[in-house]
């Protein structure tokens, strides 16, 4: 089993009044931004990631969003590049670069290759389509979103694997000369994982490419249905999917007492508004959810009828108690958290999991306490659960053919 750590790296302050309020996506001016606070927060989140590696996490998950305070990391490759040098063992899992907003995917291919080399082969490269927020922020035509995603993906893979120079004449990208001097250390290229919030088209495309699918904080029922869709699609294209093909992220916080865990767990819902944190969504901007051409009619209908995670974009400000009851949030001491984690593992059978912690209005001390307890009690116990349930991750069983993956040598600290 592969066990990773994640936080959205939210903005926090005690002056602007943004904490715990409902705001509309892309409605907040950066006039409120204080670079002194930003500097402290960036360094704090890097420190927490480095400590997460020390506590035994297999992977450090990073993401990006744009023009919003709920995710400070607008350029995920910068954080990944720093961690490539400052960490030594954990995979650097970028979930992910937003391909449609890149006008120069060759530049992206070079950046990621450098991260893989500096980390000595620890990059996991995730690719996403991005939402309306990103299309608006970077002036990218939404009706070409999927086309640009797929063409940029194909281009990056070719740039990583085919010796140059060569030409590329596609619909959206044109190069007379492709010959990147830096290419990834991993061969043929770093593993590619695809995160999703149960987009039917994305699930099918991911299965067709045999890439691991990562479901992002969706409720258990829709998540199980999406994993089944992946399995069915895999069978249609001629292979049997396994636990190495599916991964799950959800909110897990561990603390010293039940009272403290309850107090801190509620902080998920008292940070800046985040459309991905149920109960703290703010007012979703309907224009960003329905940009012309961004989502096909077929995909929207299927997502609404079969996979719509009620409570995320449906019931706004869903109570903390409801989320604890349906496992959207897991918070407690190691004794009470471990049975809940086991329930998730038995229900979904993912080969990889990510604990989403240290978010909302949680402090640095809140996160460090949780990470310490995870390292001491949660991670070892979850590894045993994974062995018992035969949950193999993609670094144990190959996503491409299911064969065992040889254990990697422990990197030597420089």
Protein backbone atom coordinates (compact mmCIF):
# COMPACT_ATOMS: atom_id res chain seq x y z
CA UNK A 1 0.00 0.00 0.00
CA UNK A 2 1.11 3.53 -0.84
CA UNK A 3 0.35 6.16 1.84
CA UNK A 4 0.61 9.88 1.08
CA UNK A 5 0.06 13.23 2.76
CA UNK A 6 -1.77 16.26 1.36
CA UNK A 7 -2.82 19.74 2.32
CA UNK A 8 -4.33 22.40 0.06
CA UNK A 9 -1.89 24.97 1.50
CA UNK A 10 -4.61 27.51 2.30
CA UNK A 11 -4.17 31.19 3.04
CA UNK A 12 -4.62 32.06 6.71
CA UNK A 13 -4.71 35.44 8.44
CA UNK A 14 -6.49 37.20 11.28
CA UNK A 15 -7.03 40.57 9.58
CA UNK A 16 -8.98 40.24 6.33
CA UNK A 17 -12.11 38.54 7.65
CA UNK A 18 -11.80 35.79 5.02
CA UNK A 19 -11.52 32.98 7.55
CA UNK A 20 -14.76 31.04 7.97
CA UNK A 21 -16.81 33.28 5.69
CA UNK A 22 -18.72 32.44 2.55
CA UNK A 23 -17.21 34.08 -0.51
CA UNK A 24 -17.79 33.55 -4.20
CA UNK A 25 -15.03 31.91 -6.22
CA UNK A 26 -12.83 34.47 -8.04
CA UNK A 27 -14.43 37.32 -6.10
CA UNK A 28 -11.51 38.19 -3.79
CA UNK A 29 -9.03 40.93 -4.76
CA UNK A 30 -5.34 40.33 -4.16
CA UNK A 31 -5.28 43.77 -2.54
CA UNK A 32 -5.87 41.74 0.64
CA UNK A 33 -2.68 39.73 0.13
CA UNK A 34 0.19 40.29 2.58
CA UNK A 35 3.52 38.94 1.25
CA UNK A 36 4.96 38.75 4.78
CA UNK A 37 2.21 36.32 5.79
CA UNK A 38 2.57 34.51 2.47
CA UNK A 39 6.30 34.01 3.06
CA UNK A 40 5.65 32.50 6.48
CA UNK A 41 2.96 30.18 5.14
CA UNK A 42 4.99 28.92 2.18
CA UNK A 43 7.87 28.01 4.46
CA UNK A 44 5.52 26.47 7.01
CA UNK A 45 3.93 24.16 4.46
CA UNK A 46 7.34 23.08 3.15
CA UNK A 47 8.47 22.32 6.69
CA UNK A 48 5.37 20.17 7.22
CA UNK A 49 5.98 18.23 4.02
CA UNK A 50 9.59 17.54 5.02
CA UNK A 51 8.39 16.35 8.45
CA UNK A 52 5.77 14.13 6.79
CA UNK A 53 8.60 12.31 5.01
CA UNK A 54 10.41 11.90 8.33
CA UNK A 55 7.24 10.37 9.79
CA UNK A 56 7.19 7.68 7.11
CA UNK A 57 4.79 8.85 4.42
CA UNK A 58 5.49 7.28 1.02
CA UNK A 59 4.33 10.30 -0.95
CA UNK A 60 4.00 14.07 -0.63
CA UNK A 61 1.06 15.21 -2.72
CA UNK A 62 1.04 18.70 -4.25
CA UNK A 63 -1.58 20.48 -6.33
CA UNK A 64 -2.32 23.92 -7.71
CA UNK A 65 -5.21 26.31 -8.17
CA UNK A 66 -5.13 29.84 -9.48
CA UNK A 67 -6.27 33.31 -8.38
CA UNK A 68 -7.73 32.04 -5.11
CA UNK A 69 -6.70 32.03 -1.42
CA UNK A 70 -7.89 28.49 -0.68
CA UNK A 71 -4.76 27.13 -2.40
CA UNK A 72 -1.63 29.26 -2.20
CA UNK A 73 0.35 27.02 -4.54
CA UNK A 74 -0.38 28.50 -7.96
CA UNK A 75 2.74 26.87 -9.46
CA UNK A 76 3.00 23.35 -8.11
CA UNK A 77 6.29 22.67 -9.86
CA UNK A 78 8.10 25.19 -7.65
CA UNK A 79 7.11 23.38 -4.46
CA UNK A 80 7.93 20.05 -6.11
CA UNK A 81 11.37 21.30 -7.18
CA UNK A 82 12.20 22.42 -3.63
CA UNK A 83 11.08 19.09 -2.18
CA UNK A 84 13.06 17.25 -4.86
CA UNK A 85 16.22 18.61 -3.24
CA UNK A 86 15.13 18.82 0.41
CA UNK A 87 13.65 15.32 0.76
CA UNK A 88 15.30 11.99 0.13
CA UNK A 89 12.87 9.08 -0.01
CA UNK A 90 9.20 10.07 -0.42
CA UNK A 91 7.66 10.26 -3.88
CA UNK A 92 6.81 13.78 -5.02
CA UNK A 93 3.26 13.37 -6.29
CA UNK A 94 2.06 16.30 -8.40
CA UNK A 95 -1.73 16.08 -8.80
CA UNK A 96 -1.46 17.84 -10.97
CA UNK A 97 -0.26 20.14 -13.68
CA UNK A 98 -3.18 21.73 -15.53
CA UNK A 99 -2.35 20.83 -19.12
CA UNK A 100 -4.90 23.00 -21.02
CA UNK A 101 -3.49 26.25 -19.60
CA UNK A 102 0.03 25.49 -20.88
CA UNK A 103 0.69 27.23 -24.18
CA UNK A 104 4.17 25.68 -24.22
CA UNK A 105 4.03 22.04 -23.04
CA UNK A 106 7.69 21.59 -24.02
CA UNK A 107 8.57 23.95 -21.17
CA UNK A 108 6.47 21.76 -18.85
CA UNK A 109 8.18 18.58 -20.06
CA UNK A 110 11.57 20.14 -19.27
CA UNK A 111 10.51 21.31 -15.81
CA UNK A 112 9.19 17.90 -14.82
CA UNK A 113 12.24 16.12 -16.19
CA UNK A 114 14.45 18.34 -14.03
CA UNK A 115 12.36 17.59 -10.94
CA UNK A 116 12.65 13.87 -11.63
CA UNK A 117 16.41 14.10 -12.01
CA UNK A 118 17.00 16.30 -8.96
CA UNK A 119 14.85 13.94 -6.86
CA UNK A 120 16.71 10.97 -8.38
CA UNK A 121 13.60 9.41 -9.85
CA UNK A 122 10.93 10.20 -7.25
CA UNK A 123 8.49 12.19 -9.37
CA UNK A 124 4.90 11.03 -9.91
CA UNK A 125 3.47 13.31 -12.59
CA UNK A 126 -0.26 13.94 -12.45
CA UNK A 127 -2.13 15.78 -15.17
CA UNK A 128 -5.52 17.50 -14.85
CA UNK A 129 -7.89 19.43 -17.07
CA UNK A 130 -8.55 22.11 -14.49
CA UNK A 131 -11.82 23.86 -13.79
CA UNK A 132 -13.47 27.02 -14.98
CA UNK A 133 -11.39 28.99 -12.47
CA UNK A 134 -8.19 28.10 -14.28
CA UNK A 135 -9.61 28.72 -17.75
CA UNK A 136 -10.74 32.20 -16.74
CA UNK A 137 -7.57 33.02 -14.81
CA UNK A 138 -5.29 32.08 -17.69
CA UNK A 139 -7.50 33.10 -20.59
CA UNK A 140 -7.69 29.58 -21.98
CA UNK A 141 -10.58 28.74 -24.35
CA UNK A 142 -12.85 26.36 -22.39
CA UNK A 143 -14.29 24.68 -25.48
CA UNK A 144 -10.80 23.35 -26.33
CA UNK A 145 -10.07 22.22 -22.77
CA UNK A 146 -10.19 18.47 -23.39
CA UNK A 147 -8.52 18.70 -26.80
CA UNK A 148 -5.63 20.72 -25.36
CA UNK A 149 -5.35 18.32 -22.41
CA UNK A 150 -5.07 15.24 -24.61
CA UNK A 151 -2.72 16.79 -27.16
CA UNK A 152 -0.43 18.27 -24.48
CA UNK A 153 -0.35 14.88 -22.75
CA UNK A 154 0.65 13.11 -25.96
CA UNK A 155 3.30 15.73 -26.68
CA UNK A 156 4.90 15.52 -23.22
CA UNK A 157 5.09 11.72 -23.41
CA UNK A 158 6.75 11.89 -26.84
CA UNK A 159 9.18 14.60 -25.67
CA UNK A 160 10.17 12.37 -22.74
CA UNK A 161 10.53 9.13 -24.67
CA UNK A 162 11.44 9.78 -28.32
CA UNK A 163 14.96 10.96 -29.21
CA UNK A 164 14.96 14.32 -30.95
CA UNK A 165 14.99 16.42 -32.82
CA UNK A 166 11.51 16.01 -34.26
CA UNK A 167 8.66 18.22 -35.43
CA UNK A 168 5.21 18.42 -33.86
CA UNK A 169 2.32 19.71 -35.91
CA UNK A 170 -0.88 19.25 -33.93
CA UNK A 171 -4.12 21.17 -33.74
CA UNK A 172 -3.20 23.33 -30.75
CA UNK A 173 0.60 23.03 -30.51
CA UNK A 174 3.22 23.50 -33.23
CA UNK A 175 6.96 23.00 -32.91
CA UNK A 176 9.59 23.04 -35.65
CA UNK A 177 12.22 21.68 -33.29
CA UNK A 178 11.69 19.41 -30.29
CA UNK A 179 14.90 18.21 -28.68
CA UNK A 180 14.83 18.74 -24.88
CA UNK A 181 18.30 18.14 -23.48
CA UNK A 182 16.91 17.17 -20.06
CA UNK A 183 14.84 13.99 -19.97
CA UNK A 184 13.46 12.14 -16.93
CA UNK A 185 15.61 9.79 -14.90
CA UNK A 186 12.79 7.21 -14.74
CA UNK A 187 12.33 5.11 -17.86
CA UNK A 188 10.38 5.20 -20.01
CA UNK A 189 9.00 8.11 -17.94
CA UNK A 190 7.67 8.88 -14.44
CA UNK A 191 4.38 7.25 -13.49
CA UNK A 192 1.39 9.34 -14.51
CA UNK A 193 -1.61 9.47 -12.19
CA UNK A 194 -4.87 11.23 -13.00
CA UNK A 195 -6.93 12.87 -10.24
CA UNK A 196 -10.64 13.39 -10.71
CA UNK A 197 -13.86 14.36 -8.97
CA UNK A 198 -15.79 11.58 -10.73
CA UNK A 199 -15.81 12.99 -14.25
CA UNK A 200 -17.02 10.07 -16.36
CA UNK A 201 -14.92 11.03 -19.38
CA UNK A 202 -11.80 11.38 -17.24
CA UNK A 203 -12.36 8.02 -15.53
CA UNK A 204 -12.69 6.27 -18.89
CA UNK A 205 -9.70 8.06 -20.46
CA UNK A 206 -7.56 7.17 -17.43
CA UNK A 207 -8.53 3.50 -17.59
CA UNK A 208 -7.83 3.37 -21.33
CA UNK A 209 -4.28 4.59 -20.64
CA UNK A 210 -3.81 2.25 -17.63
CA UNK A 211 -2.96 5.21 -15.42
CA UNK A 212 -3.82 5.13 -11.70
CA UNK A 213 -7.00 7.10 -10.95
CA UNK A 214 -7.09 9.27 -7.81
CA UNK A 215 -10.52 10.25 -6.47
CA UNK A 216 -10.43 13.52 -4.56
CA UNK A 217 -12.47 13.61 -1.35
CA UNK A 218 -15.65 12.28 -2.94
CA UNK A 219 -18.18 10.39 -0.85
CA UNK A 220 -17.73 6.63 -0.59
CA UNK A 221 -20.71 5.62 -2.74
CA UNK A 222 -19.83 7.75 -5.80
CA UNK A 223 -16.18 6.82 -5.37
CA UNK A 224 -16.96 3.10 -5.44
CA UNK A 225 -19.10 3.63 -8.55
CA UNK A 226 -16.27 5.50 -10.29
CA UNK A 227 -13.80 2.73 -9.43
CA UNK A 228 -16.24 0.21 -10.90
CA UNK A 229 -16.48 2.32 -14.08
CA UNK A 230 -12.69 2.21 -14.29
CA UNK A 231 -12.73 -1.59 -13.85
CA UNK A 232 -15.42 -2.00 -16.52
CA UNK A 233 -13.55 0.24 -18.96
CA UNK A 234 -10.33 -1.68 -18.36
CA UNK A 235 -12.12 -4.93 -19.19
CA UNK A 236 -13.46 -3.38 -22.40
CA UNK A 237 -9.96 -2.45 -23.56
CA UNK A 238 -8.48 -5.83 -22.66
CA UNK A 239 -6.96 -5.90 -19.20
CA UNK A 240 -7.96 -6.54 -15.59
CA UNK A 241 -7.52 -3.56 -13.29
CA UNK A 242 -6.26 -4.03 -9.74
CA UNK A 243 -5.80 -2.10 -6.54
CA UNK A 244 -2.72 -0.45 -8.07
CA UNK A 245 -5.01 1.42 -10.45
CA UNK A 246 -7.14 3.28 -7.90
CA UNK A 247 -6.33 5.76 -5.14
CA UNK A 248 -8.36 7.83 -2.71
CA UNK A 249 -7.84 11.13 -0.90
CA UNK A 250 -9.90 12.08 2.14
CA UNK A 251 -9.73 14.28 5.22
CA UNK A 252 -8.03 12.57 8.17
CA UNK A 253 -6.76 14.29 11.32
CA UNK A 254 -5.32 12.53 14.37
CA UNK A 255 -4.86 14.11 17.78
CA UNK A 256 -3.97 13.35 21.39
CA UNK A 257 -7.51 13.26 22.80
CA UNK A 258 -10.99 12.93 21.36
CA UNK A 259 -11.82 16.41 22.59
CA UNK A 260 -8.79 17.92 20.88
CA UNK A 261 -9.45 15.94 17.69
CA UNK A 262 -13.03 17.22 17.58
CA UNK A 263 -11.90 20.80 18.15
CA UNK A 264 -9.23 20.68 15.44
CA UNK A 265 -11.30 18.60 13.01
CA UNK A 266 -13.88 21.39 12.92
CA UNK A 267 -11.16 23.70 11.65
CA UNK A 268 -11.50 22.07 8.22
CA UNK A 269 -14.65 24.17 7.93
CA UNK A 270 -13.39 27.46 9.37
CA UNK A 271 -10.70 28.49 6.90
CA UNK A 272 -11.06 30.50 3.71
CA UNK A 273 -13.88 29.30 1.48
CA UNK A 274 -12.88 26.27 -0.56
CA UNK A 275 -15.23 24.62 -3.08
CA UNK A 276 -13.51 21.29 -2.42
CA UNK A 277 -14.06 21.36 1.35
CA UNK A 278 -17.66 20.39 1.94
CA UNK A 279 -19.11 22.61 4.65
CA UNK A 280 -16.76 25.46 3.78
CA UNK A 281 -17.60 25.84 0.10
CA UNK A 282 -18.61 29.45 -0.01
CA UNK A 283 -20.91 30.52 -2.81
CA UNK A 284 -20.05 28.53 -5.92
CA UNK A 285 -19.87 30.74 -8.97
CA UNK A 286 -22.30 29.12 -11.44
CA UNK A 287 -20.53 30.74 -14.38
CA UNK A 288 -17.34 28.82 -13.58
CA UNK A 289 -19.22 25.51 -13.44
CA UNK A 290 -20.75 25.91 -16.89
CA UNK A 291 -18.26 27.66 -19.14
CA UNK A 292 -19.31 27.12 -22.78
CA UNK A 293 -17.90 23.85 -24.08
CA UNK A 294 -15.82 23.01 -21.01
CA UNK A 295 -17.90 19.92 -20.16
CA UNK A 296 -19.78 17.78 -22.64
CA UNK A 297 -23.52 17.31 -22.25
CA UNK A 298 -23.06 13.56 -21.95
CA UNK A 299 -20.51 13.84 -19.18
CA UNK A 300 -22.58 16.36 -17.26
CA UNK A 301 -25.69 14.15 -17.41
CA UNK A 302 -23.83 11.04 -16.26
CA UNK A 303 -22.06 12.90 -13.49
CA UNK A 304 -25.33 14.31 -12.20
CA UNK A 305 -27.25 11.06 -12.37
CA UNK A 306 -24.66 8.51 -11.28
CA UNK A 307 -21.71 10.18 -9.63
CA UNK A 308 -22.84 13.55 -8.27
CA UNK A 309 -21.31 13.84 -4.77
CA UNK A 310 -24.32 15.33 -2.97
CA UNK A 311 -23.12 17.74 -0.34
CA UNK A 312 -20.13 19.09 -2.21
CA UNK A 313 -21.88 21.36 -4.67
CA UNK A 314 -25.41 20.51 -3.57
CA UNK A 315 -26.09 21.20 0.11
CA UNK A 316 -23.94 24.18 1.01
CA UNK A 317 -22.25 24.32 4.42
CA UNK A 318 -22.93 20.69 5.33
CA UNK A 319 -22.49 20.22 9.09
CA UNK A 320 -19.32 18.74 10.53
CA UNK A 321 -21.28 16.00 12.30
CA UNK A 322 -22.80 14.82 9.02
CA UNK A 323 -19.39 14.59 7.42
CA UNK A 324 -17.97 12.59 10.31
CA UNK A 325 -20.93 10.21 10.07
CA UNK A 326 -20.37 9.47 6.36
CA UNK A 327 -16.54 9.37 6.55
CA UNK A 328 -16.02 12.60 4.60
CA UNK A 329 -14.00 13.69 7.63
CA UNK A 330 -12.20 11.27 9.93
CA UNK A 331 -10.93 12.83 13.13
CA UNK A 332 -10.00 11.26 16.46
CA UNK A 333 -7.26 9.53 18.39
CA UNK A 334 -5.35 6.66 16.76
CA UNK A 335 -7.61 4.22 18.61
CA UNK A 336 -10.80 5.63 17.08
CA UNK A 337 -9.40 6.66 13.69
CA UNK A 338 -7.92 3.30 12.68
CA UNK A 339 -11.26 1.40 12.50
CA UNK A 340 -12.66 4.20 10.31
CA UNK A 341 -9.68 4.01 7.97
CA UNK A 342 -10.16 0.26 7.76
CA UNK A 343 -13.81 0.78 6.79
CA UNK A 344 -12.72 3.03 3.91
CA UNK A 345 -10.10 0.50 2.78
CA UNK A 346 -12.57 -2.38 2.87
CA UNK A 347 -15.24 -0.36 1.03
CA UNK A 348 -13.08 1.06 -1.77
CA UNK A 349 -10.02 -1.25 -1.90
CA UNK A 350 -7.56 1.42 -3.09
CA UNK A 351 -3.89 0.58 -3.48
CA UNK A 352 -2.93 4.16 -2.64
CA UNK A 353 -4.40 6.57 -0.11
CA UNK A 354 -3.73 10.17 0.85
CA UNK A 355 -4.58 11.74 4.19
CA UNK A 356 -5.76 15.35 3.70
CA UNK A 357 -4.73 17.15 6.87
CA UNK A 358 -3.52 20.54 8.15
CA UNK A 359 -6.13 22.48 6.19
CA UNK A 360 -8.78 25.12 6.84
CA UNK A 361 -7.74 27.08 9.93
CA UNK A 362 -5.53 24.34 11.38
CA UNK A 363 -2.30 25.69 12.83
CA UNK A 364 1.24 24.48 12.31
CA UNK A 365 1.13 22.88 15.76
CA UNK A 366 -2.14 21.11 14.89
CA UNK A 367 -0.55 19.60 11.81
CA UNK A 368 2.71 18.62 13.48
CA UNK A 369 0.89 16.79 16.31
CA UNK A 370 -1.15 14.87 13.77
CA UNK A 371 1.86 14.00 11.62
CA UNK A 372 3.75 12.71 14.67
CA UNK A 373 0.88 10.44 15.70
CA UNK A 374 0.46 9.24 12.13
CA UNK A 375 4.11 8.30 11.98
CA UNK A 376 4.07 6.55 15.33
CA UNK A 377 0.72 4.73 15.20
CA UNK A 378 -1.36 5.25 12.06
CA UNK A 379 1.03 4.50 9.20
CA UNK A 380 2.43 1.23 10.63
CA UNK A 381 -1.08 -0.04 11.39
CA UNK A 382 -2.42 0.96 7.96
CA UNK A 383 0.46 -0.84 6.28
CA UNK A 384 -0.57 -4.01 8.09
CA UNK A 385 -4.16 -3.48 6.97
CA UNK A 386 -2.93 -3.13 3.40
CA UNK A 387 -1.06 -6.42 3.61
CA UNK A 388 -4.03 -8.19 5.18
CA UNK A 389 -6.45 -6.85 2.54
CA UNK A 390 -3.93 -7.42 -0.29
CA UNK A 391 -3.98 -3.75 -1.35
CA UNK A 392 -0.99 -3.33 -3.62
CA UNK A 393 0.05 0.12 -4.75
CA UNK A 394 1.49 1.05 -8.16
CA UNK A 395 5.05 0.69 -6.87
CA UNK A 396 4.34 -2.91 -5.87
CA UNK A 397 2.34 -4.04 -8.92
CA UNK A 398 2.85 -2.40 -12.30
CA UNK A 399 -0.16 -0.42 -13.54
CA UNK A 400 0.76 -1.45 -17.09
CA UNK A 401 0.88 -5.23 -16.81
CA UNK A 402 0.32 -6.14 -13.14
CA UNK A 403 3.77 -7.66 -12.70
CA UNK A 404 5.56 -7.20 -9.37
CA UNK A 405 7.72 -4.10 -9.15
CA UNK A 406 11.19 -4.65 -7.74
CA UNK A 407 11.81 -2.82 -4.44
CA UNK A 408 13.68 0.40 -4.95
CA UNK A 409 17.03 0.94 -3.26
CA UNK A 410 16.96 3.37 -0.36
CA UNK A 411 18.36 6.68 -1.68
CA UNK A 412 21.63 7.80 -0.14
CA UNK A 413 21.32 11.15 1.59
CA UNK A 414 23.59 13.68 -0.07
